[in-house]
Amino acid sequence: MVTTLTPRLFKFLFLAVKRTDSTDIPHRIEATAPNEHIARLLLSRDYILAFAGRIPLGANHA
């Protein structure tokens, strides 16, 4: 069995509103990261986020 050293990545989907625009309507935004915490860190400076989903990347289907 082979051990992988790279972390598994996911595409995290969020419903987002820009922090600087009070008239902004919610829209979908995505971030690629190994976990939700990292994904939120990437986006939370500019957006108010609501979690919408997680999609695995690079999955092998038999």
PDB file of N, CA and C in Angstrom:
ATOM      1  N   MET A   1       0.839  -1.179   0.000  1.00  0.00           N
ATOM      2  CA  MET A   1       0.000   0.000   0.000  1.00  0.00           C
ATOM      3  C   MET A   1       0.888   1.247   0.000  1.00  0.00           C
ATOM      4  N   VAL A   2       0.508   2.235  -0.763  1.00  0.00           N
ATOM      5  CA  VAL A   2       1.284   3.460  -0.903  1.00  0.00           C
ATOM      6  C   VAL A   2       0.650   4.560  -0.055  1.00  0.00           C
ATOM      7  N   THR A   3       1.485   5.258   0.678  1.00  0.00           N
ATOM      8  CA  THR A   3       1.013   6.375   1.494  1.00  0.00           C
ATOM      9  C   THR A   3       1.171   7.666   0.702  1.00  0.00           C
ATOM     10  N   THR A   4       0.110   8.466   0.659  1.00  0.00           N
ATOM     11  CA  THR A   4       0.199   9.756  -0.022  1.00  0.00           C
ATOM     12  C   THR A   4       0.588  10.826   0.989  1.00  0.00           C
ATOM     13  N   LEU A   5       1.499  11.689   0.602  1.00  0.00           N
ATOM     14  CA  LEU A   5       1.967  12.740   1.494  1.00  0.00           C
ATOM     15  C   LEU A   5       1.272  14.068   1.256  1.00  0.00           C
ATOM     16  N   THR A   6       0.546  14.178   0.168  1.00  0.00           N
ATOM     17  CA  THR A   6      -0.164  15.419  -0.113  1.00  0.00           C
ATOM     18  C   THR A   6      -1.552  15.360   0.511  1.00  0.00           C
ATOM     19  N   PRO A   7      -1.995  16.440   1.128  1.00  0.00           N
ATOM     20  CA  PRO A   7      -3.328  16.429   1.728  1.00  0.00           C
ATOM     21  C   PRO A   7      -4.410  16.374   0.656  1.00  0.00           C
ATOM     22  N   ARG A   8      -5.504  15.711   0.973  1.00  0.00           N
ATOM     23  CA  ARG A   8      -6.626  15.631   0.048  1.00  0.00           C
ATOM     24  C   ARG A   8      -7.286  17.008  -0.032  1.00  0.00           C
ATOM     25  N   LEU A   9      -7.578  17.452  -1.238  1.00  0.00           N
ATOM     26  CA  LEU A   9      -8.171  18.774  -1.429  1.00  0.00           C
ATOM     27  C   LEU A   9      -9.656  18.668  -1.719  1.00  0.00           C
ATOM     28  N   PHE A  10     -10.377  19.684  -1.306  1.00  0.00           N
ATOM     29  CA  PHE A  10     -11.808  19.794  -1.535  1.00  0.00           C
ATOM     30  C   PHE A  10     -12.107  21.159  -2.131  1.00  0.00           C
ATOM     31  N   LYS A  11     -13.189  21.243  -2.869  1.00  0.00           N
ATOM     32  CA  LYS A  11     -13.707  22.528  -3.325  1.00  0.00           C
ATOM     33  C   LYS A  11     -14.848  22.870  -2.368  1.00  0.00           C
ATOM     34  N   PHE A  12     -14.690  23.939  -1.611  1.00  0.00           N
ATOM     35  CA  PHE A  12     -15.711  24.376  -0.665  1.00  0.00           C
ATOM     36  C   PHE A  12     -16.549  25.465  -1.310  1.00  0.00           C
ATOM     37  N   LEU A  13     -17.846  25.316  -1.211  1.00  0.00           N
ATOM     38  CA  LEU A  13     -18.789  26.279  -1.778  1.00  0.00           C
ATOM     39  C   LEU A  13     -19.420  27.078  -0.643  1.00  0.00           C
ATOM     40  N   PHE A  14     -19.518  28.375  -0.845  1.00  0.00           N
ATOM     41  CA  PHE A  14     -20.106  29.262   0.150  1.00  0.00           C
ATOM     42  C   PHE A  14     -21.089  30.211  -0.519  1.00  0.00           C
ATOM     43  N   LEU A  15     -22.075  30.637   0.240  1.00  0.00           N
ATOM     44  CA  LEU A  15     -22.922  31.749  -0.146  1.00  0.00           C
ATOM     45  C   LEU A  15     -22.259  32.965   0.491  1.00  0.00           C
ATOM     46  N   ALA A  16     -21.945  33.978  -0.304  1.00  0.00           N
ATOM     47  CA  ALA A  16     -21.122  35.077   0.192  1.00  0.00           C
ATOM     48  C   ALA A  16     -21.742  36.434  -0.096  1.00  0.00           C
ATOM     49  N   VAL A  17     -21.459  37.365   0.819  1.00  0.00           N
ATOM     50  CA  VAL A  17     -21.841  38.772   0.667  1.00  0.00           C
ATOM     51  C   VAL A  17     -20.591  39.586   0.966  1.00  0.00           C
ATOM     52  N   LYS A  18     -20.272  40.537   0.103  1.00  0.00           N
ATOM     53  CA  LYS A  18     -19.083  41.371   0.325  1.00  0.00           C
ATOM     54  C   LYS A  18     -19.258  42.220   1.581  1.00  0.00           C
ATOM     55  N   ARG A  19     -18.234  42.250   2.411  1.00  0.00           N
ATOM     56  CA  ARG A  19     -18.298  43.007   3.670  1.00  0.00           C
ATOM     57  C   ARG A  19     -18.413  44.513   3.437  1.00  0.00           C
ATOM     58  N   THR A  20     -17.845  45.009   2.360  1.00  0.00           N
ATOM     59  CA  THR A  20     -17.802  46.452   2.114  1.00  0.00           C
ATOM     60  C   THR A  20     -19.023  46.983   1.373  1.00  0.00           C
ATOM     61  N   ASP A  21     -19.906  46.098   0.915  1.00  0.00           N
ATOM     62  CA  ASP A  21     -21.060  46.519   0.115  1.00  0.00           C
ATOM     63  C   ASP A  21     -22.353  46.082   0.792  1.00  0.00           C
ATOM     64  N   SER A  22     -23.029  47.016   1.443  1.00  0.00           N
ATOM     65  CA  SER A  22     -24.254  46.674   2.172  1.00  0.00           C
ATOM     66  C   SER A  22     -25.425  46.351   1.245  1.00  0.00           C
ATOM     67  N   THR A  23     -25.314  46.669  -0.042  1.00  0.00           N
ATOM     68  CA  THR A  23     -26.402  46.371  -0.985  1.00  0.00           C
ATOM     69  C   THR A  23     -26.131  45.109  -1.806  1.00  0.00           C
ATOM     70  N   ASP A  24     -25.016  44.437  -1.536  1.00  0.00           N
ATOM     71  CA  ASP A  24     -24.644  43.225  -2.278  1.00  0.00           C
ATOM     72  C   ASP A  24     -25.650  42.106  -2.008  1.00  0.00           C
ATOM     73  N   ILE A  25     -26.007  41.380  -3.064  1.00  0.00           N
ATOM     74  CA  ILE A  25     -26.887  40.223  -2.892  1.00  0.00           C
ATOM     75  C   ILE A  25     -26.014  38.975  -2.727  1.00  0.00           C
ATOM     76  N   PRO A  26     -26.484  37.966  -1.996  1.00  0.00           N
ATOM     77  CA  PRO A  26     -25.688  36.750  -1.812  1.00  0.00           C
ATOM     78  C   PRO A  26     -25.389  36.073  -3.147  1.00  0.00           C
ATOM     79  N   HIS A  27     -24.164  35.626  -3.304  1.00  0.00           N
ATOM     80  CA  HIS A  27     -23.759  34.915  -4.513  1.00  0.00           C
ATOM     81  C   HIS A  27     -22.837  33.763  -4.116  1.00  0.00           C
ATOM     82  N   ARG A  28     -22.647  32.814  -5.043  1.00  0.00           N
ATOM     83  CA  ARG A  28     -21.825  31.637  -4.766  1.00  0.00           C
ATOM     84  C   ARG A  28     -20.359  31.958  -5.001  1.00  0.00           C
ATOM     85  N   ILE A  29     -19.537  31.495  -4.080  1.00  0.00           N
ATOM     86  CA  ILE A  29     -18.089  31.658  -4.198  1.00  0.00           C
ATOM     87  C   ILE A  29     -17.455  30.345  -3.762  1.00  0.00           C
ATOM     88  N   GLU A  30     -16.285  30.033  -4.298  1.00  0.00           N
ATOM     89  CA  GLU A  30     -15.650  28.756  -3.968  1.00  0.00           C
ATOM     90  C   GLU A  30     -14.180  28.941  -3.643  1.00  0.00           C
ATOM     91  N   ALA A  31     -13.659  27.997  -2.838  1.00  0.00           N
ATOM     92  CA  ALA A  31     -12.244  27.987  -2.479  1.00  0.00           C
ATOM     93  C   ALA A  31     -11.773  26.542  -2.443  1.00  0.00           C
ATOM     94  N   THR A  32     -10.552  26.301  -2.899  1.00  0.00           N
ATOM     95  CA  THR A  32      -9.959  24.972  -2.852  1.00  0.00           C
ATOM     96  C   THR A  32      -9.007  24.921  -1.665  1.00  0.00           C
ATOM     97  N   ALA A  33      -9.248  23.946  -0.769  1.00  0.00           N
ATOM     98  CA  ALA A  33      -8.451  23.836   0.450  1.00  0.00           C
ATOM     99  C   ALA A  33      -8.581  22.428   1.031  1.00  0.00           C
ATOM    100  N   PRO A  34      -7.682  22.052   1.954  1.00  0.00           N
ATOM    101  CA  PRO A  34      -7.767  20.729   2.566  1.00  0.00           C
ATOM    102  C   PRO A  34      -8.879  20.603   3.608  1.00  0.00           C
ATOM    103  N   ASN A  35      -9.324  21.734   4.183  1.00  0.00           N
ATOM    104  CA  ASN A  35     -10.427  21.683   5.156  1.00  0.00           C
ATOM    105  C   ASN A  35     -11.201  23.008   5.139  1.00  0.00           C
ATOM    106  N   GLU A  36     -12.364  22.995   5.793  1.00  0.00           N
ATOM    107  CA  GLU A  36     -13.242  24.171   5.764  1.00  0.00           C
ATOM    108  C   GLU A  36     -12.612  25.369   6.465  1.00  0.00           C
ATOM    109  N   HIS A  37     -11.877  25.118   7.525  1.00  0.00           N
ATOM    110  CA  HIS A  37     -11.258  26.213   8.265  1.00  0.00           C
ATOM    111  C   HIS A  37     -10.306  27.019   7.372  1.00  0.00           C
ATOM    112  N   ILE A  38      -9.468  26.328   6.624  1.00  0.00           N
ATOM    113  CA  ILE A  38      -8.528  27.001   5.714  1.00  0.00           C
ATOM    114  C   ILE A  38      -9.292  27.740   4.615  1.00  0.00           C
ATOM    115  N   ALA A  39     -10.342  27.118   4.084  1.00  0.00           N
ATOM    116  CA  ALA A  39     -11.144  27.764   3.035  1.00  0.00           C
ATOM    117  C   ALA A  39     -11.761  29.064   3.549  1.00  0.00           C
ATOM    118  N   ARG A  40     -12.274  29.027   4.773  1.00  0.00           N
ATOM    119  CA  ARG A  40     -12.859  30.244   5.357  1.00  0.00           C
ATOM    120  C   ARG A  40     -11.789  31.321   5.576  1.00  0.00           C
ATOM    121  N   LEU A  41     -10.608  30.907   6.012  1.00  0.00           N
ATOM    122  CA  LEU A  41      -9.522  31.878   6.206  1.00  0.00           C
ATOM    123  C   LEU A  41      -9.166  32.593   4.908  1.00  0.00           C
ATOM    124  N   LEU A  42      -9.230  31.872   3.794  1.00  0.00           N
ATOM    125  CA  LEU A  42      -8.908  32.469   2.499  1.00  0.00           C
ATOM    126  C   LEU A  42      -9.908  33.550   2.085  1.00  0.00           C
ATOM    127  N   LEU A  43     -11.165  33.412   2.510  1.00  0.00           N
ATOM    128  CA  LEU A  43     -12.229  34.291   2.012  1.00  0.00           C
ATOM    129  C   LEU A  43     -12.810  35.254   3.048  1.00  0.00           C
ATOM    130  N   SER A  44     -12.629  34.982   4.328  1.00  0.00           N
ATOM    131  CA  SER A  44     -13.360  35.723   5.359  1.00  0.00           C
ATOM    132  C   SER A  44     -12.948  37.189   5.493  1.00  0.00           C
ATOM    133  N   ARG A  45     -11.781  37.565   5.002  1.00  0.00           N
ATOM    134  CA  ARG A  45     -11.385  38.974   5.076  1.00  0.00           C
ATOM    135  C   ARG A  45     -12.314  39.858   4.253  1.00  0.00           C
ATOM    136  N   ASP A  46     -12.752  39.353   3.092  1.00  0.00           N
ATOM    137  CA  ASP A  46     -13.545  40.158   2.169  1.00  0.00           C
ATOM    138  C   ASP A  46     -15.034  39.829   2.168  1.00  0.00           C
ATOM    139  N   TYR A  47     -15.409  38.646   2.688  1.00  0.00           N
ATOM    140  CA  TYR A  47     -16.790  38.187   2.571  1.00  0.00           C
ATOM    141  C   TYR A  47     -17.355  37.704   3.901  1.00  0.00           C
ATOM    142  N   ILE A  48     -18.660  37.835   4.049  1.00  0.00           N
ATOM    143  CA  ILE A  48     -19.411  37.154   5.097  1.00  0.00           C
ATOM    144  C   ILE A  48     -19.900  35.865   4.454  1.00  0.00           C
ATOM    145  N   LEU A  49     -19.600  34.716   5.079  1.00  0.00           N
ATOM    146  CA  LEU A  49     -19.791  33.420   4.433  1.00  0.00           C
ATOM    147  C   LEU A  49     -20.843  32.557   5.118  1.00  0.00           C
ATOM    148  N   ALA A  50     -21.558  31.785   4.308  1.00  0.00           N
ATOM    149  CA  ALA A  50     -22.445  30.725   4.788  1.00  0.00           C
ATOM    150  C   ALA A  50     -22.077  29.464   4.011  1.00  0.00           C
ATOM    151  N   PHE A  51     -21.795  28.380   4.729  1.00  0.00           N
ATOM    152  CA  PHE A  51     -21.362  27.133   4.096  1.00  0.00           C
ATOM    153  C   PHE A  51     -22.463  26.584   3.200  1.00  0.00           C
ATOM    154  N   ALA A  52     -22.084  26.147   1.972  1.00  0.00           N
ATOM    155  CA  ALA A  52     -23.060  25.596   1.031  1.00  0.00           C
ATOM    156  C   ALA A  52     -22.725  24.178   0.587  1.00  0.00           C
ATOM    157  N   GLY A  53     -21.446  23.766   0.642  1.00  0.00           N
ATOM    158  CA  GLY A  53     -21.122  22.407   0.229  1.00  0.00           C
ATOM    159  C   GLY A  53     -19.635  22.148   0.138  1.00  0.00           C
ATOM    160  N   ARG A  54     -19.303  20.836   0.013  1.00  0.00           N
ATOM    161  CA  ARG A  54     -17.909  20.397  -0.113  1.00  0.00           C
ATOM    162  C   ARG A  54     -17.841  19.323  -1.188  1.00  0.00           C
ATOM    163  N   ILE A  55     -16.964  19.519  -2.171  1.00  0.00           N
ATOM    164  CA  ILE A  55     -16.815  18.579  -3.282  1.00  0.00           C
ATOM    165  C   ILE A  55     -15.372  18.075  -3.279  1.00  0.00           C
ATOM    166  N   PRO A  56     -15.155  16.744  -3.194  1.00  0.00           N
ATOM    167  CA  PRO A  56     -13.785  16.230  -3.236  1.00  0.00           C
ATOM    168  C   PRO A  56     -13.167  16.411  -4.622  1.00  0.00           C
ATOM    169  N   LEU A  57     -11.884  16.730  -4.660  1.00  0.00           N
ATOM    170  CA  LEU A  57     -11.168  16.893  -5.924  1.00  0.00           C
ATOM    171  C   LEU A  57     -10.231  15.710  -6.136  1.00  0.00           C
ATOM    172  N   GLY A  58     -10.107  15.280  -7.374  1.00  0.00           N
ATOM    173  CA  GLY A  58      -9.167  14.232  -7.712  1.00  0.00           C
ATOM    174  C   GLY A  58      -9.542  12.854  -7.220  1.00  0.00           C
ATOM    175  N   ALA A  59     -10.813  12.579  -7.060  1.00  0.00           N
ATOM    176  CA  ALA A  59     -11.240  11.260  -6.593  1.00  0.00           C
ATOM    177  C   ALA A  59     -11.161  10.252  -7.726  1.00  0.00           C
ATOM    178  N   ASN A  60     -10.715   9.044  -7.408  1.00  0.00           N
ATOM    179  CA  ASN A  60     -10.677   7.955  -8.379  1.00  0.00           C
ATOM    180  C   ASN A  60     -11.922   7.100  -8.205  1.00  0.00           C
ATOM    181  N   HIS A  61     -12.695   6.963  -9.255  1.00  0.00           N
ATOM    182  CA  HIS A  61     -13.915   6.162  -9.198  1.00  0.00           C
ATOM    183  C   HIS A  61     -13.683   4.865  -9.951  1.00  0.00           C
ATOM    184  N   ALA A  62     -13.990   3.762  -9.311  1.00  0.00           N
ATOM    185  CA  ALA A  62     -13.801   2.456  -9.956  1.00  0.00           C
ATOM    186  C   ALA A  62     -15.036   2.038 -10.720  1.00  0.00           C
TER     187      ALA A  62
END
